[in-house]
């Protein structure tokens, strides 16, 4: 899409609502991968807009109680600036994305122009 960052890959129509789509890999400055049958678009609501995140795959959708979430370790803060916390789910540990940092105000302004 013209004049938008390269990680904005386009738009989708979700139940009559135009939703911009962002490639999470490119946003995290990782090499892009070819999309395949495991590639998913996860729609999140952040800062009063809906955004679709293209992710490699989704293995499960779970709810983690606040009591099972701890802050991320305070090592190399630049490397974990998009991590909101660490969630404990059964015997597993899940990194929780901070969507407000991932989708900053500048991005929201750019994406609002699409709607």
PDB file of N, CA and C in Angstrom:
ATOM      1  N   UNK A   1       0.855  -1.173   0.000  1.00  0.00           N
ATOM      2  CA  UNK A   1       0.000   0.000   0.000  1.00  0.00           C
ATOM      3  C   UNK A   1       0.899   1.234   0.000  1.00  0.00           C
ATOM      4  N   UNK A   2       0.596   2.194  -0.864  1.00  0.00           N
ATOM      5  CA  UNK A   2       1.466   3.360  -0.999  1.00  0.00           C
ATOM      6  C   UNK A   2       1.572   4.159   0.293  1.00  0.00           C
ATOM      7  N   UNK A   3       2.779   4.659   0.556  1.00  0.00           N
ATOM      8  CA  UNK A   3       3.075   5.553   1.672  1.00  0.00           C
ATOM      9  C   UNK A   3       2.831   4.946   3.043  1.00  0.00           C
ATOM     10  N   UNK A   4       2.775   3.631   3.144  1.00  0.00           N
ATOM     11  CA  UNK A   4       2.667   2.961   4.433  1.00  0.00           C
ATOM     12  C   UNK A   4       3.922   2.126   4.640  1.00  0.00           C
ATOM     13  N   UNK A   5       4.269   1.833   5.897  1.00  0.00           N
ATOM     14  CA  UNK A   5       5.453   1.006   6.150  1.00  0.00           C
ATOM     15  C   UNK A   5       5.340  -0.352   5.456  1.00  0.00           C
ATOM     16  N   UNK A   6       6.494  -0.964   5.166  1.00  0.00           N
ATOM     17  CA  UNK A   6       6.491  -2.227   4.427  1.00  0.00           C
ATOM     18  C   UNK A   6       5.840  -3.372   5.186  1.00  0.00           C
ATOM     19  N   UNK A   7       5.733  -3.258   6.516  1.00  0.00           N
ATOM     20  CA  UNK A   7       5.092  -4.330   7.280  1.00  0.00           C
ATOM     21  C   UNK A   7       3.563  -4.289   7.184  1.00  0.00           C
ATOM     22  N   UNK A   8       2.997  -3.216   6.656  1.00  0.00           N
ATOM     23  CA  UNK A   8       1.554  -3.180   6.400  1.00  0.00           C
ATOM     24  C   UNK A   8       1.338  -3.845   5.048  1.00  0.00           C
ATOM     25  N   UNK A   9       0.682  -5.008   5.064  1.00  0.00           N
ATOM     26  CA  UNK A   9       0.579  -5.836   3.868  1.00  0.00           C
ATOM     27  C   UNK A   9      -0.701  -5.629   3.080  1.00  0.00           C
ATOM     28  N   UNK A  10      -1.668  -4.947   3.656  1.00  0.00           N
ATOM     29  CA  UNK A  10      -2.918  -4.718   2.944  1.00  0.00           C
ATOM     30  C   UNK A  10      -4.074  -4.573   3.914  1.00  0.00           C
ATOM     31  N   UNK A  11      -5.275  -4.877   3.432  1.00  0.00           N
ATOM     32  CA  UNK A  11      -6.482  -4.787   4.253  1.00  0.00           C
ATOM     33  C   UNK A  11      -7.335  -6.026   4.021  1.00  0.00           C
ATOM     34  N   UNK A  12      -8.180  -6.313   5.009  1.00  0.00           N
ATOM     35  CA  UNK A  12      -9.183  -7.364   4.860  1.00  0.00           C
ATOM     36  C   UNK A  12     -10.536  -6.777   5.232  1.00  0.00           C
ATOM     37  N   UNK A  13     -11.587  -7.416   4.766  1.00  0.00           N
ATOM     38  CA  UNK A  13     -12.944  -7.041   5.134  1.00  0.00           C
ATOM     39  C   UNK A  13     -13.409  -8.071   6.150  1.00  0.00           C
ATOM     40  N   UNK A  14     -13.559  -7.640   7.396  1.00  0.00           N
ATOM     41  CA  UNK A  14     -13.988  -8.526   8.474  1.00  0.00           C
ATOM     42  C   UNK A  14     -15.380  -8.105   8.925  1.00  0.00           C
ATOM     43  N   UNK A  15     -16.372  -8.871   8.495  1.00  0.00           N
ATOM     44  CA  UNK A  15     -17.771  -8.584   8.837  1.00  0.00           C
ATOM     45  C   UNK A  15     -18.156  -7.151   8.478  1.00  0.00           C
ATOM     46  N   UNK A  16     -17.738  -6.708   7.299  1.00  0.00           N
ATOM     47  CA  UNK A  16     -18.085  -5.379   6.813  1.00  0.00           C
ATOM     48  C   UNK A  16     -17.188  -4.264   7.305  1.00  0.00           C
ATOM     49  N   UNK A  17     -16.191  -4.595   8.111  1.00  0.00           N
ATOM     50  CA  UNK A  17     -15.274  -3.590   8.647  1.00  0.00           C
ATOM     51  C   UNK A  17     -13.913  -3.749   7.965  1.00  0.00           C
ATOM     52  N   UNK A  18     -13.337  -2.641   7.507  1.00  0.00           N
ATOM     53  CA  UNK A  18     -12.019  -2.661   6.879  1.00  0.00           C
ATOM     54  C   UNK A  18     -10.961  -2.759   7.980  1.00  0.00           C
ATOM     55  N   UNK A  19     -10.112  -3.794   7.898  1.00  0.00           N
ATOM     56  CA  UNK A  19      -9.087  -4.038   8.909  1.00  0.00           C
ATOM     57  C   UNK A  19      -7.715  -4.076   8.224  1.00  0.00           C
ATOM     58  N   UNK A  20      -6.803  -3.157   8.606  1.00  0.00           N
ATOM     59  CA  UNK A  20      -5.451  -3.222   8.054  1.00  0.00           C
ATOM     60  C   UNK A  20      -4.729  -4.465   8.569  1.00  0.00           C
ATOM     61  N   UNK A  21      -3.823  -4.996   7.747  1.00  0.00           N
ATOM     62  CA  UNK A  21      -3.107  -6.219   8.100  1.00  0.00           C
ATOM     63  C   UNK A  21      -1.608  -5.935   8.130  1.00  0.00           C
ATOM     64  N   UNK A  22      -0.973  -6.344   9.236  1.00  0.00           N
ATOM     65  CA  UNK A  22       0.447  -6.119   9.471  1.00  0.00           C
ATOM     66  C   UNK A  22       1.164  -7.465   9.550  1.00  0.00           C
ATOM     67  N   UNK A  23       2.300  -7.588   8.876  1.00  0.00           N
ATOM     68  CA  UNK A  23       3.112  -8.798   8.972  1.00  0.00           C
ATOM     69  C   UNK A  23       3.994  -8.675  10.210  1.00  0.00           C
ATOM     70  N   UNK A  24       3.734  -9.511  11.219  1.00  0.00           N
ATOM     71  CA  UNK A  24       4.455  -9.419  12.490  1.00  0.00           C
ATOM     72  C   UNK A  24       5.951  -9.666  12.313  1.00  0.00           C
ATOM     73  N   UNK A  25       6.325 -10.580  11.432  1.00  0.00           N
ATOM     74  CA  UNK A  25       7.751 -10.856  11.201  1.00  0.00           C
ATOM     75  C   UNK A  25       8.476  -9.598  10.732  1.00  0.00           C
ATOM     76  N   UNK A  26       7.895  -8.908   9.768  1.00  0.00           N
ATOM     77  CA  UNK A  26       8.540  -7.709   9.230  1.00  0.00           C
ATOM     78  C   UNK A  26       8.562  -6.608  10.282  1.00  0.00           C
ATOM     79  N   UNK A  27       7.485  -6.480  11.062  1.00  0.00           N
ATOM     80  CA  UNK A  27       7.440  -5.475  12.136  1.00  0.00           C
ATOM     81  C   UNK A  27       8.538  -5.726  13.159  1.00  0.00           C
ATOM     82  N   UNK A  28       8.849  -7.008  13.425  1.00  0.00           N
ATOM     83  CA  UNK A  28       9.914  -7.356  14.372  1.00  0.00           C
ATOM     84  C   UNK A  28      11.295  -7.383  13.709  1.00  0.00           C
ATOM     85  N   UNK A  29      11.365  -6.918  12.458  1.00  0.00           N
ATOM     86  CA  UNK A  29      12.616  -6.871  11.701  1.00  0.00           C
ATOM     87  C   UNK A  29      13.243  -8.255  11.525  1.00  0.00           C
ATOM     88  N   UNK A  30      12.408  -9.243  11.333  1.00  0.00           N
ATOM     89  CA  UNK A  30      12.834 -10.617  11.041  1.00  0.00           C
ATOM     90  C   UNK A  30      12.659 -10.854   9.545  1.00  0.00           C
ATOM     91  N   UNK A  31      13.383 -11.823   8.989  1.00  0.00           N
ATOM     92  CA  UNK A  31      13.187 -12.108   7.561  1.00  0.00           C
ATOM     93  C   UNK A  31      11.772 -12.605   7.299  1.00  0.00           C
ATOM     94  N   UNK A  32      11.194 -12.156   6.210  1.00  0.00           N
ATOM     95  CA  UNK A  32       9.840 -12.607   5.886  1.00  0.00           C
ATOM     96  C   UNK A  32       9.894 -14.045   5.385  1.00  0.00           C
ATOM     97  N   UNK A  33       8.803 -14.748   5.575  1.00  0.00           N
ATOM     98  CA  UNK A  33       8.659 -16.115   5.091  1.00  0.00           C
ATOM     99  C   UNK A  33       7.524 -16.154   4.087  1.00  0.00           C
ATOM    100  N   UNK A  34       7.578 -17.116   3.210  1.00  0.00           N
ATOM    101  CA  UNK A  34       6.468 -17.314   2.285  1.00  0.00           C
ATOM    102  C   UNK A  34       5.257 -17.793   3.086  1.00  0.00           C
ATOM    103  N   UNK A  35       4.096 -17.228   2.798  1.00  0.00           N
ATOM    104  CA  UNK A  35       2.883 -17.641   3.494  1.00  0.00           C
ATOM    105  C   UNK A  35       2.503 -19.045   3.050  1.00  0.00           C
ATOM    106  N   UNK A  36       1.946 -19.820   4.004  1.00  0.00           N
ATOM    107  CA  UNK A  36       1.534 -21.190   3.689  1.00  0.00           C
ATOM    108  C   UNK A  36       0.230 -21.517   4.405  1.00  0.00           C
ATOM    109  N   UNK A  37      -0.157 -22.782   4.425  1.00  0.00           N
ATOM    110  CA  UNK A  37      -1.439 -23.159   5.023  1.00  0.00           C
ATOM    111  C   UNK A  37      -1.453 -23.031   6.545  1.00  0.00           C
ATOM    112  N   UNK A  38      -0.306 -22.813   7.189  1.00  0.00           N
ATOM    113  CA  UNK A  38      -0.253 -22.597   8.641  1.00  0.00           C
ATOM    114  C   UNK A  38      -0.282 -21.104   8.991  1.00  0.00           C
ATOM    115  N   UNK A  39      -0.030 -20.247   8.013  1.00  0.00           N
ATOM    116  CA  UNK A  39      -0.034 -18.806   8.245  1.00  0.00           C
ATOM    117  C   UNK A  39      -1.440 -18.363   8.641  1.00  0.00           C
ATOM    118  N   UNK A  40      -1.513 -17.512   9.665  1.00  0.00           N
ATOM    119  CA  UNK A  40      -2.818 -17.046  10.169  1.00  0.00           C
ATOM    120  C   UNK A  40      -2.821 -15.524  10.297  1.00  0.00           C
ATOM    121  N   UNK A  41      -4.007 -14.964  10.290  1.00  0.00           N
ATOM    122  CA  UNK A  41      -4.200 -13.552  10.623  1.00  0.00           C
ATOM    123  C   UNK A  41      -4.958 -13.515  11.943  1.00  0.00           C
ATOM    124  N   UNK A  42      -4.308 -12.952  12.961  1.00  0.00           N
ATOM    125  CA  UNK A  42      -4.915 -12.799  14.282  1.00  0.00           C
ATOM    126  C   UNK A  42      -5.367 -11.349  14.390  1.00  0.00           C
ATOM    127  N   UNK A  43      -6.651 -11.125  14.620  1.00  0.00           N
ATOM    128  CA  UNK A  43      -7.184  -9.762  14.705  1.00  0.00           C
ATOM    129  C   UNK A  43      -7.185  -9.327  16.165  1.00  0.00           C
ATOM    130  N   UNK A  44      -6.549  -8.180  16.413  1.00  0.00           N
ATOM    131  CA  UNK A  44      -6.494  -7.624  17.762  1.00  0.00           C
ATOM    132  C   UNK A  44      -7.121  -6.235  17.742  1.00  0.00           C
ATOM    133  N   UNK A  45      -7.654  -5.829  18.878  1.00  0.00           N
ATOM    134  CA  UNK A  45      -8.166  -4.470  19.056  1.00  0.00           C
ATOM    135  C   UNK A  45      -7.183  -3.744  19.958  1.00  0.00           C
ATOM    136  N   UNK A  46      -6.607  -2.671  19.437  1.00  0.00           N
ATOM    137  CA  UNK A  46      -5.636  -1.904  20.208  1.00  0.00           C
ATOM    138  C   UNK A  46      -5.809  -0.428  19.863  1.00  0.00           C
ATOM    139  N   UNK A  47      -5.798   0.387  20.889  1.00  0.00           N
ATOM    140  CA  UNK A  47      -5.920   1.840  20.713  1.00  0.00           C
ATOM    141  C   UNK A  47      -7.100   2.202  19.815  1.00  0.00           C
ATOM    142  N   UNK A  48      -8.217   1.568  20.051  1.00  0.00           N
ATOM    143  CA  UNK A  48      -9.495   1.860  19.399  1.00  0.00           C
ATOM    144  C   UNK A  48      -9.562   1.490  17.922  1.00  0.00           C
ATOM    145  N   UNK A  49      -8.623   0.679  17.426  1.00  0.00           N
ATOM    146  CA  UNK A  49      -8.746   0.180  16.060  1.00  0.00           C
ATOM    147  C   UNK A  49      -8.473  -1.325  16.051  1.00  0.00           C
ATOM    148  N   UNK A  50      -8.995  -1.988  15.045  1.00  0.00           N
ATOM    149  CA  UNK A  50      -8.716  -3.412  14.849  1.00  0.00           C
ATOM    150  C   UNK A  50      -7.584  -3.536  13.840  1.00  0.00           C
ATOM    151  N   UNK A  51      -6.666  -4.454  14.128  1.00  0.00           N
ATOM    152  CA  UNK A  51      -5.523  -4.700  13.252  1.00  0.00           C
ATOM    153  C   UNK A  51      -5.346  -6.205  13.122  1.00  0.00           C
ATOM    154  N   UNK A  52      -5.115  -6.666  11.907  1.00  0.00           N
ATOM    155  CA  UNK A  52      -4.804  -8.070  11.688  1.00  0.00           C
ATOM    156  C   UNK A  52      -3.302  -8.267  11.703  1.00  0.00           C
ATOM    157  N   UNK A  53      -2.836  -9.231  12.494  1.00  0.00           N
ATOM    158  CA  UNK A  53      -1.415  -9.565  12.537  1.00  0.00           C
ATOM    159  C   UNK A  53      -1.196 -10.870  11.793  1.00  0.00           C
ATOM    160  N   UNK A  54      -0.358 -10.853  10.775  1.00  0.00           N
ATOM    161  CA  UNK A  54       0.005 -12.085  10.085  1.00  0.00           C
ATOM    162  C   UNK A  54       1.069 -12.773  10.931  1.00  0.00           C
ATOM    163  N   UNK A  55       0.778 -14.010  11.350  1.00  0.00           N
ATOM    164  CA  UNK A  55       1.706 -14.789  12.173  1.00  0.00           C
ATOM    165  C   UNK A  55       1.993 -16.120  11.485  1.00  0.00           C
ATOM    166  N   UNK A  56       3.101 -16.738  11.861  1.00  0.00           N
ATOM    167  CA  UNK A  56       3.501 -17.998  11.232  1.00  0.00           C
ATOM    168  C   UNK A  56       2.461 -19.091  11.437  1.00  0.00           C
ATOM    169  N   UNK A  57       1.932 -19.177  12.658  1.00  0.00           N
ATOM    170  CA  UNK A  57       0.912 -20.190  12.960  1.00  0.00           C
ATOM    171  C   UNK A  57       0.300 -19.880  14.318  1.00  0.00           C
ATOM    172  N   UNK A  58      -0.813 -20.527  14.598  1.00  0.00           N
ATOM    173  CA  UNK A  58      -1.462 -20.448  15.908  1.00  0.00           C
ATOM    174  C   UNK A  58      -1.656 -21.878  16.375  1.00  0.00           C
ATOM    175  N   UNK A  59      -1.108 -22.202  17.540  1.00  0.00           N
ATOM    176  CA  UNK A  59      -1.231 -23.572  18.032  1.00  0.00           C
ATOM    177  C   UNK A  59      -2.390 -23.728  19.007  1.00  0.00           C
ATOM    178  N   UNK A  60      -2.720 -22.648  19.732  1.00  0.00           N
ATOM    179  CA  UNK A  60      -3.835 -22.715  20.672  1.00  0.00           C
ATOM    180  C   UNK A  60      -4.230 -21.304  21.095  1.00  0.00           C
ATOM    181  N   UNK A  61      -5.430 -21.176  21.607  1.00  0.00           N
ATOM    182  CA  UNK A  61      -5.910 -19.923  22.177  1.00  0.00           C
ATOM    183  C   UNK A  61      -6.261 -20.230  23.624  1.00  0.00           C
ATOM    184  N   UNK A  62      -5.619 -19.528  24.558  1.00  0.00           N
ATOM    185  CA  UNK A  62      -5.828 -19.803  25.976  1.00  0.00           C
ATOM    186  C   UNK A  62      -6.049 -18.499  26.731  1.00  0.00           C
ATOM    187  N   UNK A  63      -6.607 -18.625  27.920  1.00  0.00           N
ATOM    188  CA  UNK A  63      -6.748 -17.505  28.837  1.00  0.00           C
ATOM    189  C   UNK A  63      -5.799 -17.748  29.998  1.00  0.00           C
ATOM    190  N   UNK A  64      -4.974 -16.755  30.295  1.00  0.00           N
ATOM    191  CA  UNK A  64      -4.035 -16.862  31.411  1.00  0.00           C
ATOM    192  C   UNK A  64      -4.458 -15.852  32.469  1.00  0.00           C
ATOM    193  N   UNK A  65      -4.791 -16.313  33.682  1.00  0.00           N
ATOM    194  CA  UNK A  65      -5.186 -15.380  34.744  1.00  0.00           C
ATOM    195  C   UNK A  65      -4.043 -14.416  35.086  1.00  0.00           C
ATOM    196  N   UNK A  66      -4.401 -13.193  35.474  1.00  0.00           N
ATOM    197  CA  UNK A  66      -3.395 -12.195  35.845  1.00  0.00           C
ATOM    198  C   UNK A  66      -2.442 -12.720  36.913  1.00  0.00           C
ATOM    199  N   UNK A  67      -2.942 -13.563  37.805  1.00  0.00           N
ATOM    200  CA  UNK A  67      -2.103 -14.095  38.883  1.00  0.00           C
ATOM    201  C   UNK A  67      -0.988 -15.003  38.359  1.00  0.00           C
ATOM    202  N   UNK A  68      -1.119 -15.476  37.119  1.00  0.00           N
ATOM    203  CA  UNK A  68      -0.099 -16.344  36.521  1.00  0.00           C
ATOM    204  C   UNK A  68       0.792 -15.605  35.524  1.00  0.00           C
ATOM    205  N   UNK A  69       0.768 -14.273  35.583  1.00  0.00           N
ATOM    206  CA  UNK A  69       1.593 -13.460  34.682  1.00  0.00           C
ATOM    207  C   UNK A  69       2.609 -12.686  35.516  1.00  0.00           C
ATOM    208  N   UNK A  70       3.870 -12.772  35.103  1.00  0.00           N
ATOM    209  CA  UNK A  70       4.938 -12.042  35.787  1.00  0.00           C
ATOM    210  C   UNK A  70       5.619 -11.125  34.774  1.00  0.00           C
ATOM    211  N   UNK A  71       6.259 -10.039  35.265  1.00  0.00           N
ATOM    212  CA  UNK A  71       6.959  -9.144  34.338  1.00  0.00           C
ATOM    213  C   UNK A  71       8.114  -9.876  33.654  1.00  0.00           C
ATOM    214  N   UNK A  72       8.495  -9.409  32.460  1.00  0.00           N
ATOM    215  CA  UNK A  72       9.643 -10.037  31.793  1.00  0.00           C
ATOM    216  C   UNK A  72      10.927  -9.725  32.553  1.00  0.00           C
ATOM    217  N   UNK A  73      11.951 -10.563  32.399  1.00  0.00           N
ATOM    218  CA  UNK A  73      13.223 -10.265  33.070  1.00  0.00           C
ATOM    219  C   UNK A  73      13.781  -8.929  32.591  1.00  0.00           C
ATOM    220  N   UNK A  74      14.546  -8.295  33.423  1.00  0.00           N
ATOM    221  CA  UNK A  74      15.072  -6.962  33.132  1.00  0.00           C
ATOM    222  C   UNK A  74      16.443  -7.034  32.460  1.00  0.00           C
ATOM    223  N   UNK A  75      16.632  -7.991  31.564  1.00  0.00           N
ATOM    224  CA  UNK A  75      17.906  -8.108  30.855  1.00  0.00           C
ATOM    225  C   UNK A  75      17.730  -7.628  29.424  1.00  0.00           C
ATOM    226  N   UNK A  76      18.697  -6.895  28.937  1.00  0.00           N
ATOM    227  CA  UNK A  76      18.677  -6.365  27.572  1.00  0.00           C
ATOM    228  C   UNK A  76      17.295  -5.837  27.199  1.00  0.00           C
ATOM    229  N   UNK A  77      16.901  -4.784  27.875  1.00  0.00           N
ATOM    230  CA  UNK A  77      15.561  -4.200  27.727  1.00  0.00           C
ATOM    231  C   UNK A  77      15.168  -3.979  26.269  1.00  0.00           C
ATOM    232  N   UNK A  78      16.130  -3.629  25.415  1.00  0.00           N
ATOM    233  CA  UNK A  78      15.798  -3.387  24.005  1.00  0.00           C
ATOM    234  C   UNK A  78      15.267  -4.641  23.333  1.00  0.00           C
ATOM    235  N   UNK A  79      15.727  -5.798  23.766  1.00  0.00           N
ATOM    236  CA  UNK A  79      15.305  -7.044  23.134  1.00  0.00           C
ATOM    237  C   UNK A  79      13.924  -7.507  23.575  1.00  0.00           C
ATOM    238  N   UNK A  80      13.443  -7.000  24.692  1.00  0.00           N
ATOM    239  CA  UNK A  80      12.123  -7.439  25.139  1.00  0.00           C
ATOM    240  C   UNK A  80      11.133  -6.282  25.261  1.00  0.00           C
ATOM    241  N   UNK A  81      11.335  -5.222  24.476  1.00  0.00           N
ATOM    242  CA  UNK A  81      10.452  -4.060  24.598  1.00  0.00           C
ATOM    243  C   UNK A  81       9.021  -4.356  24.161  1.00  0.00           C
ATOM    244  N   UNK A  82       8.808  -5.408  23.378  1.00  0.00           N
ATOM    245  CA  UNK A  82       7.460  -5.771  22.945  1.00  0.00           C
ATOM    246  C   UNK A  82       6.849  -6.869  23.811  1.00  0.00           C
ATOM    247  N   UNK A  83       7.536  -7.275  24.871  1.00  0.00           N
ATOM    248  CA  UNK A  83       7.037  -8.335  25.746  1.00  0.00           C
ATOM    249  C   UNK A  83       6.378  -7.703  26.966  1.00  0.00           C
ATOM    250  N   UNK A  84       5.094  -7.990  27.162  1.00  0.00           N
ATOM    251  CA  UNK A  84       4.349  -7.448  28.298  1.00  0.00           C
ATOM    252  C   UNK A  84       4.600  -8.239  29.563  1.00  0.00           C
ATOM    253  N   UNK A  85       4.750  -9.540  29.409  1.00  0.00           N
ATOM    254  CA  UNK A  85       4.959 -10.385  30.568  1.00  0.00           C
ATOM    255  C   UNK A  85       5.187 -11.821  30.151  1.00  0.00           C
ATOM    256  N   UNK A  86       5.353 -12.643  31.159  1.00  0.00           N
ATOM    257  CA  UNK A  86       5.520 -14.081  30.943  1.00  0.00           C
ATOM    258  C   UNK A  86       4.375 -14.771  31.660  1.00  0.00           C
ATOM    259  N   UNK A  87       3.623 -15.549  30.911  1.00  0.00           N
ATOM    260  CA  UNK A  87       2.470 -16.246  31.476  1.00  0.00           C
ATOM    261  C   UNK A  87       2.772 -17.711  31.710  1.00  0.00           C
ATOM    262  N   UNK A  88       2.263 -18.215  32.827  1.00  0.00           N
ATOM    263  CA  UNK A  88       2.406 -19.642  33.124  1.00  0.00           C
ATOM    264  C   UNK A  88       1.096 -20.321  32.762  1.00  0.00           C
ATOM    265  N   UNK A  89       1.187 -21.322  31.907  1.00  0.00           N
ATOM    266  CA  UNK A  89      -0.004 -22.064  31.476  1.00  0.00           C
ATOM    267  C   UNK A  89       0.299 -23.549  31.622  1.00  0.00           C
ATOM    268  N   UNK A  90      -0.229 -24.133  32.698  1.00  0.00           N
ATOM    269  CA  UNK A  90       0.116 -25.522  32.977  1.00  0.00           C
ATOM    270  C   UNK A  90       1.605 -25.594  33.255  1.00  0.00           C
ATOM    271  N   UNK A  91       2.302 -26.459  32.551  1.00  0.00           N
ATOM    272  CA  UNK A  91       3.747 -26.553  32.704  1.00  0.00           C
ATOM    273  C   UNK A  91       4.505 -25.720  31.699  1.00  0.00           C
ATOM    274  N   UNK A  92       3.788 -24.971  30.865  1.00  0.00           N
ATOM    275  CA  UNK A  92       4.423 -24.176  29.813  1.00  0.00           C
ATOM    276  C   UNK A  92       4.579 -22.718  30.226  1.00  0.00           C
ATOM    277  N   UNK A  93       5.481 -22.046  29.534  1.00  0.00           N
ATOM    278  CA  UNK A  93       5.694 -20.611  29.712  1.00  0.00           C
ATOM    279  C   UNK A  93       5.395 -19.942  28.373  1.00  0.00           C
ATOM    280  N   UNK A  94       4.605 -18.874  28.401  1.00  0.00           N
ATOM    281  CA  UNK A  94       4.213 -18.149  27.186  1.00  0.00           C
ATOM    282  C   UNK A  94       4.672 -16.700  27.296  1.00  0.00           C
ATOM    283  N   UNK A  95       5.281 -16.180  26.231  1.00  0.00           N
ATOM    284  CA  UNK A  95       5.617 -14.764  26.174  1.00  0.00           C
ATOM    285  C   UNK A  95       4.381 -14.004  25.725  1.00  0.00           C
ATOM    286  N   UNK A  96       4.037 -12.945  26.441  1.00  0.00           N
ATOM    287  CA  UNK A  96       2.844 -12.156  26.139  1.00  0.00           C
ATOM    288  C   UNK A  96       3.253 -10.855  25.454  1.00  0.00           C
ATOM    289  N   UNK A  97       2.709 -10.640  24.302  1.00  0.00           N
ATOM    290  CA  UNK A  97       3.023  -9.483  23.477  1.00  0.00           C
ATOM    291  C   UNK A  97       2.376  -8.219  24.043  1.00  0.00           C
ATOM    292  N   UNK A  98       3.118  -7.122  24.057  1.00  0.00           N
ATOM    293  CA  UNK A  98       2.580  -5.827  24.457  1.00  0.00           C
ATOM    294  C   UNK A  98       2.100  -5.114  23.193  1.00  0.00           C
ATOM    295  N   UNK A  99       0.837  -5.272  22.889  1.00  0.00           N
ATOM    296  CA  UNK A  99       0.279  -4.733  21.636  1.00  0.00           C
ATOM    297  C   UNK A  99       0.334  -3.212  21.590  1.00  0.00           C
ATOM    298  N   UNK A 100       0.247  -2.548  22.747  1.00  0.00           N
ATOM    299  CA  UNK A 100       0.316  -1.086  22.763  1.00  0.00           C
ATOM    300  C   UNK A 100       1.688  -0.584  22.324  1.00  0.00           C
ATOM    301  N   UNK A 101       2.732  -1.342  22.603  1.00  0.00           N
ATOM    302  CA  UNK A 101       4.070  -0.948  22.140  1.00  0.00           C
ATOM    303  C   UNK A 101       4.290  -1.357  20.690  1.00  0.00           C
ATOM    304  N   UNK A 102       3.750  -2.498  20.311  1.00  0.00           N
ATOM    305  CA  UNK A 102       3.891  -2.972  18.937  1.00  0.00           C
ATOM    306  C   UNK A 102       3.183  -2.026  17.971  1.00  0.00           C
ATOM    307  N   UNK A 103       1.986  -1.585  18.360  1.00  0.00           N
ATOM    308  CA  UNK A 103       1.180  -0.679  17.542  1.00  0.00           C
ATOM    309  C   UNK A 103       1.238   0.698  18.203  1.00  0.00           C
ATOM    310  N   UNK A 104       2.290   1.455  17.922  1.00  0.00           N
ATOM    311  CA  UNK A 104       2.454   2.753  18.574  1.00  0.00           C
ATOM    312  C   UNK A 104       1.536   3.808  17.946  1.00  0.00           C
ATOM    313  N   UNK A 105       1.525   4.994  18.534  1.00  0.00           N
ATOM    314  CA  UNK A 105       0.611   6.056  18.088  1.00  0.00           C
ATOM    315  C   UNK A 105       0.844   6.462  16.634  1.00  0.00           C
ATOM    316  N   UNK A 106       2.095   6.448  16.196  1.00  0.00           N
ATOM    317  CA  UNK A 106       2.398   6.802  14.802  1.00  0.00           C
ATOM    318  C   UNK A 106       1.748   5.803  13.841  1.00  0.00           C
ATOM    319  N   UNK A 107       1.832   4.528  14.182  1.00  0.00           N
ATOM    320  CA  UNK A 107       1.217   3.492  13.345  1.00  0.00           C
ATOM    321  C   UNK A 107      -0.297   3.644  13.350  1.00  0.00           C
ATOM    322  N   UNK A 108      -0.871   3.913  14.517  1.00  0.00           N
ATOM    323  CA  UNK A 108      -2.327   4.091  14.613  1.00  0.00           C
ATOM    324  C   UNK A 108      -2.772   5.230  13.708  1.00  0.00           C
ATOM    325  N   UNK A 109      -2.042   6.345  13.718  1.00  0.00           N
ATOM    326  CA  UNK A 109      -2.392   7.483  12.864  1.00  0.00           C
ATOM    327  C   UNK A 109      -2.357   7.085  11.395  1.00  0.00           C
ATOM    328  N   UNK A 110      -1.316   6.353  10.997  1.00  0.00           N
ATOM    329  CA  UNK A 110      -1.217   5.916   9.600  1.00  0.00           C
ATOM    330  C   UNK A 110      -2.355   4.969   9.234  1.00  0.00           C
ATOM    331  N   UNK A 111      -2.674   4.041  10.146  1.00  0.00           N
ATOM    332  CA  UNK A 111      -3.695   3.039   9.849  1.00  0.00           C
ATOM    333  C   UNK A 111      -5.101   3.616   9.892  1.00  0.00           C
ATOM    334  N   UNK A 112      -5.315   4.640  10.702  1.00  0.00           N
ATOM    335  CA  UNK A 112      -6.628   5.267  10.778  1.00  0.00           C
ATOM    336  C   UNK A 112      -6.998   5.883   9.435  1.00  0.00           C
ATOM    337  N   UNK A 113      -5.999   6.320   8.687  1.00  0.00           N
ATOM    338  CA  UNK A 113      -6.277   6.906   7.373  1.00  0.00           C
ATOM    339  C   UNK A 113      -6.819   5.869   6.394  1.00  0.00           C
ATOM    340  N   UNK A 114      -6.550   4.584   6.648  1.00  0.00           N
ATOM    341  CA  UNK A 114      -7.080   3.517   5.788  1.00  0.00           C
ATOM    342  C   UNK A 114      -8.582   3.387   5.981  1.00  0.00           C
ATOM    343  N   UNK A 115      -9.014   3.467   7.252  1.00  0.00           N
ATOM    344  CA  UNK A 115     -10.438   3.337   7.559  1.00  0.00           C
ATOM    345  C   UNK A 115     -11.150   4.545   7.044  1.00  0.00           C
TER     346      UNK A 115
END
